[in-house]
Amino acid sequence: MTAQAASGQMVSAGLVVRDCAGLMGLAALGAVVLGGQYAWSLPFAWLALALFAPPATSVPMQVATWMLLPPDTAAGTWTALALWLLGTSAYAVAGPKR
């Protein structure tokens, strides 16, 4: 919200919901693979990759940069949904690494 207020540009609710769901799945997957202490590193690494990736002109690059795409992009929405489903399912089955 602070960045939105500073820039004067509105962010759609669809973008926020999609990115929150995908990042939640990545954090859950990070907890399963790396443990709760380092669960943050998987979403952080993916964001770092997306920020330094070339423009998303192909589908694989759209998947890699899904959190930066407009909310009506199919590749971004399906990637976030798949990450949410995979991460929450893995966490529900295996729990965090100890």
PDB file of N, CA and C in Angstrom:
ATOM      1  N   MET A   1       0.818  -1.184   0.000  1.00  0.00           N
ATOM      2  CA  MET A   1       0.000   0.000   0.000  1.00  0.00           C
ATOM      3  C   MET A   1       0.865   1.253   0.000  1.00  0.00           C
ATOM      4  N   THR A   2       1.981   1.244   0.679  1.00  0.00           N
ATOM      5  CA  THR A   2       2.846   2.418   0.734  1.00  0.00           C
ATOM      6  C   THR A   2       3.433   2.710  -0.636  1.00  0.00           C
ATOM      7  N   ALA A   3       3.895   1.658  -1.327  1.00  0.00           N
ATOM      8  CA  ALA A   3       4.444   1.848  -2.667  1.00  0.00           C
ATOM      9  C   ALA A   3       3.367   2.342  -3.620  1.00  0.00           C
ATOM     10  N   GLN A   4       2.170   1.834  -3.459  1.00  0.00           N
ATOM     11  CA  GLN A   4       1.052   2.252  -4.289  1.00  0.00           C
ATOM     12  C   GLN A   4       0.742   3.728  -4.061  1.00  0.00           C
ATOM     13  N   ALA A   5       0.742   4.159  -2.822  1.00  0.00           N
ATOM     14  CA  ALA A   5       0.466   5.554  -2.512  1.00  0.00           C
ATOM     15  C   ALA A   5       1.582   6.465  -3.016  1.00  0.00           C
ATOM     16  N   ALA A   6       2.804   6.018  -2.931  1.00  0.00           N
ATOM     17  CA  ALA A   6       3.932   6.825  -3.371  1.00  0.00           C
ATOM     18  C   ALA A   6       3.972   6.977  -4.891  1.00  0.00           C
ATOM     19  N   SER A   7       3.618   5.915  -5.609  1.00  0.00           N
ATOM     20  CA  SER A   7       3.685   5.969  -7.064  1.00  0.00           C
ATOM     21  C   SER A   7       2.434   6.559  -7.688  1.00  0.00           C
ATOM     22  N   GLY A   8       1.319   6.525  -6.989  1.00  0.00           N
ATOM     23  CA  GLY A   8       0.076   7.045  -7.534  1.00  0.00           C
ATOM     24  C   GLY A   8      -0.626   6.081  -8.460  1.00  0.00           C
ATOM     25  N   GLN A   9      -0.106   4.876  -8.636  1.00  0.00           N
ATOM     26  CA  GLN A   9      -0.717   3.878  -9.508  1.00  0.00           C
ATOM     27  C   GLN A   9      -1.496   2.877  -8.668  1.00  0.00           C
ATOM     28  N   MET A  10      -2.664   2.520  -9.151  1.00  0.00           N
ATOM     29  CA  MET A  10      -3.496   1.557  -8.445  1.00  0.00           C
ATOM     30  C   MET A  10      -3.088   0.137  -8.819  1.00  0.00           C
ATOM     31  N   VAL A  11      -3.121  -0.738  -7.868  1.00  0.00           N
ATOM     32  CA  VAL A  11      -2.850  -2.152  -8.084  1.00  0.00           C
ATOM     33  C   VAL A  11      -4.172  -2.880  -7.929  1.00  0.00           C
ATOM     34  N   SER A  12      -4.474  -3.762  -8.873  1.00  0.00           N
ATOM     35  CA  SER A  12      -5.760  -4.453  -8.825  1.00  0.00           C
ATOM     36  C   SER A  12      -5.770  -5.523  -7.742  1.00  0.00           C
ATOM     37  N   ALA A  13      -6.954  -5.798  -7.249  1.00  0.00           N
ATOM     38  CA  ALA A  13      -7.111  -6.838  -6.227  1.00  0.00           C
ATOM     39  C   ALA A  13      -6.758  -8.210  -6.788  1.00  0.00           C
ATOM     40  N   GLY A  14      -7.016  -8.426  -8.068  1.00  0.00           N
ATOM     41  CA  GLY A  14      -6.674  -9.704  -8.697  1.00  0.00           C
ATOM     42  C   GLY A  14      -5.189  -9.990  -8.662  1.00  0.00           C
ATOM     43  N   LEU A  15      -4.393  -8.954  -8.875  1.00  0.00           N
ATOM     44  CA  LEU A  15      -2.943  -9.115  -8.821  1.00  0.00           C
ATOM     45  C   LEU A  15      -2.487  -9.457  -7.409  1.00  0.00           C
ATOM     46  N   VAL A  16      -3.045  -8.786  -6.432  1.00  0.00           N
ATOM     47  CA  VAL A  16      -2.665  -9.022  -5.035  1.00  0.00           C
ATOM     48  C   VAL A  16      -3.051 -10.439  -4.608  1.00  0.00           C
ATOM     49  N   VAL A  17      -4.262 -10.859  -4.943  1.00  0.00           N
ATOM     50  CA  VAL A  17      -4.731 -12.201  -4.564  1.00  0.00           C
ATOM     51  C   VAL A  17      -3.897 -13.270  -5.253  1.00  0.00           C
ATOM     52  N   ARG A  18      -3.646 -13.098  -6.566  1.00  0.00           N
ATOM     53  CA  ARG A  18      -2.860 -14.089  -7.310  1.00  0.00           C
ATOM     54  C   ARG A  18      -1.447 -14.196  -6.753  1.00  0.00           C
ATOM     55  N   ASP A  19      -0.793 -13.061  -6.538  1.00  0.00           N
ATOM     56  CA  ASP A  19       0.581 -13.097  -6.039  1.00  0.00           C
ATOM     57  C   ASP A  19       0.660 -13.622  -4.612  1.00  0.00           C
ATOM     58  N   CYS A  20      -0.309 -13.270  -3.775  1.00  0.00           N
ATOM     59  CA  CYS A  20      -0.316 -13.795  -2.400  1.00  0.00           C
ATOM     60  C   CYS A  20      -0.492 -15.310  -2.385  1.00  0.00           C
ATOM     61  N   ALA A  21      -1.370 -15.815  -3.233  1.00  0.00           N
ATOM     62  CA  ALA A  21      -1.590 -17.264  -3.285  1.00  0.00           C
ATOM     63  C   ALA A  21      -0.328 -17.987  -3.759  1.00  0.00           C
ATOM     64  N   GLY A  22       0.287 -17.486  -4.824  1.00  0.00           N
ATOM     65  CA  GLY A  22       1.502 -18.121  -5.335  1.00  0.00           C
ATOM     66  C   GLY A  22       2.658 -18.057  -4.356  1.00  0.00           C
ATOM     67  N   LEU A  23       2.832 -16.897  -3.711  1.00  0.00           N
ATOM     68  CA  LEU A  23       3.911 -16.761  -2.735  1.00  0.00           C
ATOM     69  C   LEU A  23       3.666 -17.593  -1.487  1.00  0.00           C
ATOM     70  N   MET A  24       2.394 -17.751  -1.110  1.00  0.00           N
ATOM     71  CA  MET A  24       2.068 -18.617   0.021  1.00  0.00           C
ATOM     72  C   MET A  24       2.436 -20.066  -0.299  1.00  0.00           C
ATOM     73  N   GLY A  25       2.139 -20.495  -1.519  1.00  0.00           N
ATOM     74  CA  GLY A  25       2.518 -21.840  -1.931  1.00  0.00           C
ATOM     75  C   GLY A  25       4.022 -22.030  -1.947  1.00  0.00           C
ATOM     76  N   LEU A  26       4.748 -21.002  -2.430  1.00  0.00           N
ATOM     77  CA  LEU A  26       6.216 -21.093  -2.421  1.00  0.00           C
ATOM     78  C   LEU A  26       6.768 -21.146  -1.003  1.00  0.00           C
ATOM     79  N   ALA A  27       6.194 -20.361  -0.109  1.00  0.00           N
ATOM     80  CA  ALA A  27       6.651 -20.383   1.288  1.00  0.00           C
ATOM     81  C   ALA A  27       6.353 -21.730   1.937  1.00  0.00           C
ATOM     82  N   ALA A  28       5.191 -22.301   1.653  1.00  0.00           N
ATOM     83  CA  ALA A  28       4.855 -23.620   2.193  1.00  0.00           C
ATOM     84  C   ALA A  28       5.803 -24.679   1.637  1.00  0.00           C
ATOM     85  N   LEU A  29       6.092 -24.592   0.352  1.00  0.00           N
ATOM     86  CA  LEU A  29       7.038 -25.533  -0.251  1.00  0.00           C
ATOM     87  C   LEU A  29       8.435 -25.340   0.335  1.00  0.00           C
ATOM     88  N   GLY A  30       8.809 -24.090   0.580  1.00  0.00           N
ATOM     89  CA  GLY A  30      10.094 -23.823   1.222  1.00  0.00           C
ATOM     90  C   GLY A  30      10.168 -24.394   2.626  1.00  0.00           C
ATOM     91  N   ALA A  31       9.060 -24.355   3.357  1.00  0.00           N
ATOM     92  CA  ALA A  31       9.042 -24.930   4.704  1.00  0.00           C
ATOM     93  C   ALA A  31       9.196 -26.437   4.652  1.00  0.00           C
ATOM     94  N   VAL A  32       8.593 -27.066   3.663  1.00  0.00           N
ATOM     95  CA  VAL A  32       8.699 -28.522   3.526  1.00  0.00           C
ATOM     96  C   VAL A  32      10.120 -28.925   3.156  1.00  0.00           C
ATOM     97  N   VAL A  33      10.718 -28.207   2.220  1.00  0.00           N
ATOM     98  CA  VAL A  33      12.041 -28.582   1.712  1.00  0.00           C
ATOM     99  C   VAL A  33      13.172 -28.089   2.613  1.00  0.00           C
ATOM    100  N   LEU A  34      13.075 -26.843   3.100  1.00  0.00           N
ATOM    101  CA  LEU A  34      14.183 -26.234   3.826  1.00  0.00           C
ATOM    102  C   LEU A  34      13.947 -26.081   5.321  1.00  0.00           C
ATOM    103  N   GLY A  35      12.722 -26.250   5.763  1.00  0.00           N
ATOM    104  CA  GLY A  35      12.385 -26.045   7.164  1.00  0.00           C
ATOM    105  C   GLY A  35      11.788 -24.668   7.374  1.00  0.00           C
ATOM    106  N   GLY A  36      11.095 -24.503   8.477  1.00  0.00           N
ATOM    107  CA  GLY A  36      10.402 -23.265   8.761  1.00  0.00           C
ATOM    108  C   GLY A  36      11.311 -22.057   8.850  1.00  0.00           C
ATOM    109  N   GLN A  37      12.526 -22.261   9.338  1.00  0.00           N
ATOM    110  CA  GLN A  37      13.458 -21.150   9.515  1.00  0.00           C
ATOM    111  C   GLN A  37      13.856 -20.521   8.181  1.00  0.00           C
ATOM    112  N   TYR A  38      13.910 -21.330   7.129  1.00  0.00           N
ATOM    113  CA  TYR A  38      14.341 -20.845   5.821  1.00  0.00           C
ATOM    114  C   TYR A  38      13.226 -20.886   4.782  1.00  0.00           C
ATOM    115  N   ALA A  39      11.979 -20.939   5.201  1.00  0.00           N
ATOM    116  CA  ALA A  39      10.855 -20.995   4.271  1.00  0.00           C
ATOM    117  C   ALA A  39      10.780 -19.743   3.402  1.00  0.00           C
ATOM    118  N   TRP A  40      11.259 -18.634   3.897  1.00  0.00           N
ATOM    119  CA  TRP A  40      11.228 -17.372   3.160  1.00  0.00           C
ATOM    120  C   TRP A  40      12.152 -17.371   1.952  1.00  0.00           C
ATOM    121  N   SER A  41      13.165 -18.225   1.945  1.00  0.00           N
ATOM    122  CA  SER A  41      14.194 -18.136   0.912  1.00  0.00           C
ATOM    123  C   SER A  41      13.687 -18.528  -0.473  1.00  0.00           C
ATOM    124  N   LEU A  42      12.738 -19.444  -0.571  1.00  0.00           N
ATOM    125  CA  LEU A  42      12.229 -19.844  -1.878  1.00  0.00           C
ATOM    126  C   LEU A  42      11.432 -18.716  -2.547  1.00  0.00           C
ATOM    127  N   PRO A  43      10.473 -18.065  -1.868  1.00  0.00           N
ATOM    128  CA  PRO A  43       9.817 -16.914  -2.506  1.00  0.00           C
ATOM    129  C   PRO A  43      10.792 -15.773  -2.820  1.00  0.00           C
ATOM    130  N   PHE A  44      11.757 -15.536  -1.949  1.00  0.00           N
ATOM    131  CA  PHE A  44      12.734 -14.469  -2.179  1.00  0.00           C
ATOM    132  C   PHE A  44      13.592 -14.773  -3.403  1.00  0.00           C
ATOM    133  N   ALA A  45      14.036 -16.024  -3.538  1.00  0.00           N
ATOM    134  CA  ALA A  45      14.864 -16.406  -4.682  1.00  0.00           C
ATOM    135  C   ALA A  45      14.088 -16.288  -5.989  1.00  0.00           C
ATOM    136  N   TRP A  46      12.817 -16.694  -5.977  1.00  0.00           N
ATOM    137  CA  TRP A  46      12.020 -16.609  -7.196  1.00  0.00           C
ATOM    138  C   TRP A  46      11.808 -15.143  -7.581  1.00  0.00           C
ATOM    139  N   LEU A  47      11.546 -14.280  -6.609  1.00  0.00           N
ATOM    140  CA  LEU A  47      11.382 -12.860  -6.895  1.00  0.00           C
ATOM    141  C   LEU A  47      12.665 -12.271  -7.453  1.00  0.00           C
ATOM    142  N   ALA A  48      13.809 -12.631  -6.892  1.00  0.00           N
ATOM    143  CA  ALA A  48      15.092 -12.141  -7.395  1.00  0.00           C
ATOM    144  C   ALA A  48      15.307 -12.594  -8.836  1.00  0.00           C
ATOM    145  N   LEU A  49      14.963 -13.839  -9.143  1.00  0.00           N
ATOM    146  CA  LEU A  49      15.064 -14.348 -10.507  1.00  0.00           C
ATOM    147  C   LEU A  49      14.154 -13.544 -11.428  1.00  0.00           C
ATOM    148  N   ALA A  50      12.925 -13.289 -10.997  1.00  0.00           N
ATOM    149  CA  ALA A  50      11.967 -12.569 -11.833  1.00  0.00           C
ATOM    150  C   ALA A  50      12.402 -11.133 -12.090  1.00  0.00           C
ATOM    151  N   LEU A  51      13.015 -10.502 -11.105  1.00  0.00           N
ATOM    152  CA  LEU A  51      13.442  -9.111 -11.280  1.00  0.00           C
ATOM    153  C   LEU A  51      14.601  -8.964 -12.259  1.00  0.00           C
ATOM    154  N   PHE A  52      15.452  -9.974 -12.358  1.00  0.00           N
ATOM    155  CA  PHE A  52      16.616  -9.890 -13.232  1.00  0.00           C
ATOM    156  C   PHE A  52      16.457 -10.676 -14.525  1.00  0.00           C
ATOM    157  N   ALA A  53      15.302 -11.284 -14.757  1.00  0.00           N
ATOM    158  CA  ALA A  53      15.054 -12.053 -15.971  1.00  0.00           C
ATOM    159  C   ALA A  53      14.783 -11.116 -17.145  1.00  0.00           C
ATOM    160  N   PRO A  54      15.058 -11.580 -18.362  1.00  0.00           N
ATOM    161  CA  PRO A  54      14.728 -10.761 -19.534  1.00  0.00           C
ATOM    162  C   PRO A  54      13.216 -10.630 -19.695  1.00  0.00           C
ATOM    163  N   PRO A  55      12.752  -9.764 -20.573  1.00  0.00           N
ATOM    164  CA  PRO A  55      11.309  -9.570 -20.762  1.00  0.00           C
ATOM    165  C   PRO A  55      10.587 -10.884 -21.079  1.00  0.00           C
ATOM    166  N   ALA A  56       9.374 -10.996 -20.560  1.00  0.00           N
ATOM    167  CA  ALA A  56       8.588 -12.236 -20.691  1.00  0.00           C
ATOM    168  C   ALA A  56       7.877 -12.274 -22.035  1.00  0.00           C
ATOM    169  N   THR A  57       8.597 -12.722 -23.062  1.00  0.00           N
ATOM    170  CA  THR A  57       7.989 -12.820 -24.384  1.00  0.00           C
ATOM    171  C   THR A  57       7.559 -14.245 -24.705  1.00  0.00           C
ATOM    172  N   SER A  58       8.145 -15.217 -24.042  1.00  0.00           N
ATOM    173  CA  SER A  58       7.769 -16.617 -24.269  1.00  0.00           C
ATOM    174  C   SER A  58       7.060 -17.152 -23.027  1.00  0.00           C
ATOM    175  N   VAL A  59       6.397 -18.281 -23.198  1.00  0.00           N
ATOM    176  CA  VAL A  59       5.660 -18.878 -22.072  1.00  0.00           C
ATOM    177  C   VAL A  59       6.600 -19.276 -20.936  1.00  0.00           C
ATOM    178  N   PRO A  60       7.754 -19.902 -21.195  1.00  0.00           N
ATOM    179  CA  PRO A  60       8.637 -20.215 -20.071  1.00  0.00           C
ATOM    180  C   PRO A  60       9.091 -18.966 -19.289  1.00  0.00           C
ATOM    181  N   MET A  61       9.318 -17.864 -19.981  1.00  0.00           N
ATOM    182  CA  MET A  61       9.696 -16.637 -19.275  1.00  0.00           C
ATOM    183  C   MET A  61       8.504 -16.038 -18.542  1.00  0.00           C
ATOM    184  N   GLN A  62       7.288 -16.231 -19.065  1.00  0.00           N
ATOM    185  CA  GLN A  62       6.101 -15.782 -18.347  1.00  0.00           C
ATOM    186  C   GLN A  62       5.919 -16.590 -17.071  1.00  0.00           C
ATOM    187  N   VAL A  63       6.226 -17.871 -17.122  1.00  0.00           N
ATOM    188  CA  VAL A  63       6.152 -18.706 -15.917  1.00  0.00           C
ATOM    189  C   VAL A  63       7.206 -18.248 -14.912  1.00  0.00           C
ATOM    190  N   ALA A  64       8.400 -17.932 -15.381  1.00  0.00           N
ATOM    191  CA  ALA A  64       9.470 -17.506 -14.482  1.00  0.00           C
ATOM    192  C   ALA A  64       9.171 -16.152 -13.846  1.00  0.00           C
ATOM    193  N   THR A  65       8.456 -15.281 -14.544  1.00  0.00           N
ATOM    194  CA  THR A  65       8.168 -13.941 -14.043  1.00  0.00           C
ATOM    195  C   THR A  65       6.689 -13.761 -13.729  1.00  0.00           C
ATOM    196  N   TRP A  66       6.026 -14.794 -13.297  1.00  0.00           N
ATOM    197  CA  TRP A  66       4.576 -14.776 -13.104  1.00  0.00           C
ATOM    198  C   TRP A  66       4.127 -13.674 -12.150  1.00  0.00           C
ATOM    199  N   MET A  67       4.888 -13.348 -11.133  1.00  0.00           N
ATOM    200  CA  MET A  67       4.425 -12.375 -10.141  1.00  0.00           C
ATOM    201  C   MET A  67       4.531 -10.934 -10.621  1.00  0.00           C
ATOM    202  N   LEU A  68       5.172 -10.702 -11.757  1.00  0.00           N
ATOM    203  CA  LEU A  68       5.293  -9.361 -12.303  1.00  0.00           C
ATOM    204  C   LEU A  68       4.344  -9.120 -13.468  1.00  0.00           C
ATOM    205  N   LEU A  69       3.634 -10.148 -13.895  1.00  0.00           N
ATOM    206  CA  LEU A  69       2.737 -10.039 -15.040  1.00  0.00           C
ATOM    207  C   LEU A  69       1.402  -9.416 -14.638  1.00  0.00           C
ATOM    208  N   PRO A  70       0.685  -8.836 -15.602  1.00  0.00           N
ATOM    209  CA  PRO A  70      -0.656  -8.326 -15.304  1.00  0.00           C
ATOM    210  C   PRO A  70      -1.568  -9.454 -14.820  1.00  0.00           C
ATOM    211  N   PRO A  71      -2.599  -9.118 -14.037  1.00  0.00           N
ATOM    212  CA  PRO A  71      -3.446 -10.161 -13.443  1.00  0.00           C
ATOM    213  C   PRO A  71      -4.249 -10.974 -14.452  1.00  0.00           C
ATOM    214  N   ASP A  72      -4.430 -10.494 -15.671  1.00  0.00           N
ATOM    215  CA  ASP A  72      -5.215 -11.237 -16.652  1.00  0.00           C
ATOM    216  C   ASP A  72      -4.360 -12.128 -17.548  1.00  0.00           C
ATOM    217  N   THR A  73      -3.103 -12.319 -17.206  1.00  0.00           N
ATOM    218  CA  THR A  73      -2.219 -13.190 -17.985  1.00  0.00           C
ATOM    219  C   THR A  73      -2.415 -14.636 -17.540  1.00  0.00           C
ATOM    220  N   ALA A  74      -2.748 -15.490 -18.495  1.00  0.00           N
ATOM    221  CA  ALA A  74      -3.054 -16.889 -18.174  1.00  0.00           C
ATOM    222  C   ALA A  74      -1.857 -17.619 -17.566  1.00  0.00           C
ATOM    223  N   ALA A  75      -0.668 -17.416 -18.116  1.00  0.00           N
ATOM    224  CA  ALA A  75       0.513 -18.109 -17.597  1.00  0.00           C
ATOM    225  C   ALA A  75       0.796 -17.702 -16.149  1.00  0.00           C
ATOM    226  N   GLY A  76       0.621 -16.451 -15.828  1.00  0.00           N
ATOM    227  CA  GLY A  76       0.841 -15.990 -14.461  1.00  0.00           C
ATOM    228  C   GLY A  76      -0.176 -16.558 -13.491  1.00  0.00           C
ATOM    229  N   THR A  77      -1.430 -16.573 -13.912  1.00  0.00           N
ATOM    230  CA  THR A  77      -2.487 -17.094 -13.051  1.00  0.00           C
ATOM    231  C   THR A  77      -2.334 -18.590 -12.826  1.00  0.00           C
ATOM    232  N   TRP A  78      -2.058 -19.345 -13.875  1.00  0.00           N
ATOM    233  CA  TRP A  78      -1.923 -20.793 -13.728  1.00  0.00           C
ATOM    234  C   TRP A  78      -0.670 -21.176 -12.953  1.00  0.00           C
ATOM    235  N   THR A  79       0.399 -20.409 -13.112  1.00  0.00           N
ATOM    236  CA  THR A  79       1.617 -20.679 -12.342  1.00  0.00           C
ATOM    237  C   THR A  79       1.369 -20.446 -10.859  1.00  0.00           C
ATOM    238  N   ALA A  80       0.725 -19.337 -10.519  1.00  0.00           N
ATOM    239  CA  ALA A  80       0.433 -19.048  -9.116  1.00  0.00           C
ATOM    240  C   ALA A  80      -0.494 -20.104  -8.527  1.00  0.00           C
ATOM    241  N   LEU A  81      -1.500 -20.521  -9.292  1.00  0.00           N
ATOM    242  CA  LEU A  81      -2.421 -21.550  -8.821  1.00  0.00           C
ATOM    243  C   LEU A  81      -1.698 -22.883  -8.607  1.00  0.00           C
ATOM    244  N   ALA A  82      -0.825 -23.243  -9.539  1.00  0.00           N
ATOM    245  CA  ALA A  82      -0.075 -24.500  -9.401  1.00  0.00           C
ATOM    246  C   ALA A  82       0.864 -24.452  -8.202  1.00  0.00           C
ATOM    247  N   LEU A  83       1.538 -23.323  -7.981  1.00  0.00           N
ATOM    248  CA  LEU A  83       2.424 -23.199  -6.827  1.00  0.00           C
ATOM    249  C   LEU A  83       1.650 -23.258  -5.520  1.00  0.00           C
ATOM    250  N   TRP A  84       0.491 -22.599  -5.478  1.00  0.00           N
ATOM    251  CA  TRP A  84      -0.342 -22.637  -4.277  1.00  0.00           C
ATOM    252  C   TRP A  84      -0.793 -24.062  -3.988  1.00  0.00           C
ATOM    253  N   LEU A  85      -1.270 -24.747  -5.017  1.00  0.00           N
ATOM    254  CA  LEU A  85      -1.762 -26.116  -4.838  1.00  0.00           C
ATOM    255  C   LEU A  85      -0.628 -27.061  -4.442  1.00  0.00           C
ATOM    256  N   LEU A  86       0.498 -26.966  -5.115  1.00  0.00           N
ATOM    257  CA  LEU A  86       1.635 -27.836  -4.806  1.00  0.00           C
ATOM    258  C   LEU A  86       2.181 -27.569  -3.406  1.00  0.00           C
ATOM    259  N   GLY A  87       2.367 -26.300  -3.072  1.00  0.00           N
ATOM    260  CA  GLY A  87       2.946 -25.948  -1.775  1.00  0.00           C
ATOM    261  C   GLY A  87       2.055 -26.305  -0.608  1.00  0.00           C
ATOM    262  N   THR A  88       0.775 -25.949  -0.688  1.00  0.00           N
ATOM    263  CA  THR A  88      -0.126 -26.246   0.429  1.00  0.00           C
ATOM    264  C   THR A  88      -0.378 -27.741   0.557  1.00  0.00           C
ATOM    265  N   SER A  89      -0.425 -28.449  -0.556  1.00  0.00           N
ATOM    266  CA  SER A  89      -0.599 -29.912  -0.489  1.00  0.00           C
ATOM    267  C   SER A  89       0.622 -30.582   0.137  1.00  0.00           C
ATOM    268  N   ALA A  90       1.800 -30.164  -0.291  1.00  0.00           N
ATOM    269  CA  ALA A  90       3.023 -30.741   0.270  1.00  0.00           C
ATOM    270  C   ALA A  90       3.133 -30.447   1.758  1.00  0.00           C
ATOM    271  N   TYR A  91       2.769 -29.238   2.157  1.00  0.00           N
ATOM    272  CA  TYR A  91       2.837 -28.880   3.577  1.00  0.00           C
ATOM    273  C   TYR A  91       1.808 -29.665   4.382  1.00  0.00           C
ATOM    274  N   ALA A  92       0.627 -29.862   3.809  1.00  0.00           N
ATOM    275  CA  ALA A  92      -0.411 -30.620   4.514  1.00  0.00           C
ATOM    276  C   ALA A  92      -0.015 -32.079   4.685  1.00  0.00           C
ATOM    277  N   VAL A  93       0.673 -32.636   3.705  1.00  0.00           N
ATOM    278  CA  VAL A  93       1.052 -34.049   3.759  1.00  0.00           C
ATOM    279  C   VAL A  93       2.316 -34.251   4.596  1.00  0.00           C
ATOM    280  N   ALA A  94       3.341 -33.461   4.338  1.00  0.00           N
ATOM    281  CA  ALA A  94       4.655 -33.715   4.962  1.00  0.00           C
ATOM    282  C   ALA A  94       4.939 -32.826   6.158  1.00  0.00           C
ATOM    283  N   GLY A  95       4.355 -31.630   6.192  1.00  0.00           N
ATOM    284  CA  GLY A  95       4.664 -30.698   7.265  1.00  0.00           C
ATOM    285  C   GLY A  95       6.029 -30.084   7.070  1.00  0.00           C
ATOM    286  N   PRO A  96       6.433 -29.198   7.962  1.00  0.00           N
ATOM    287  CA  PRO A  96       7.735 -28.549   7.795  1.00  0.00           C
ATOM    288  C   PRO A  96       8.883 -29.507   8.126  1.00  0.00           C
ATOM    289  N   LYS A  97       9.991 -29.287   7.449  1.00  0.00           N
ATOM    290  CA  LYS A  97      11.183 -30.080   7.725  1.00  0.00           C
ATOM    291  C   LYS A  97      11.708 -29.710   9.099  1.00  0.00           C
ATOM    292  N   ARG A  98      12.175 -30.680   9.821  1.00  0.00           N
ATOM    293  CA  ARG A  98      12.684 -30.430  11.189  1.00  0.00           C
ATOM    294  C   ARG A  98      14.186 -30.523  11.215  1.00  0.00           C
TER     295      ARG A  98
END
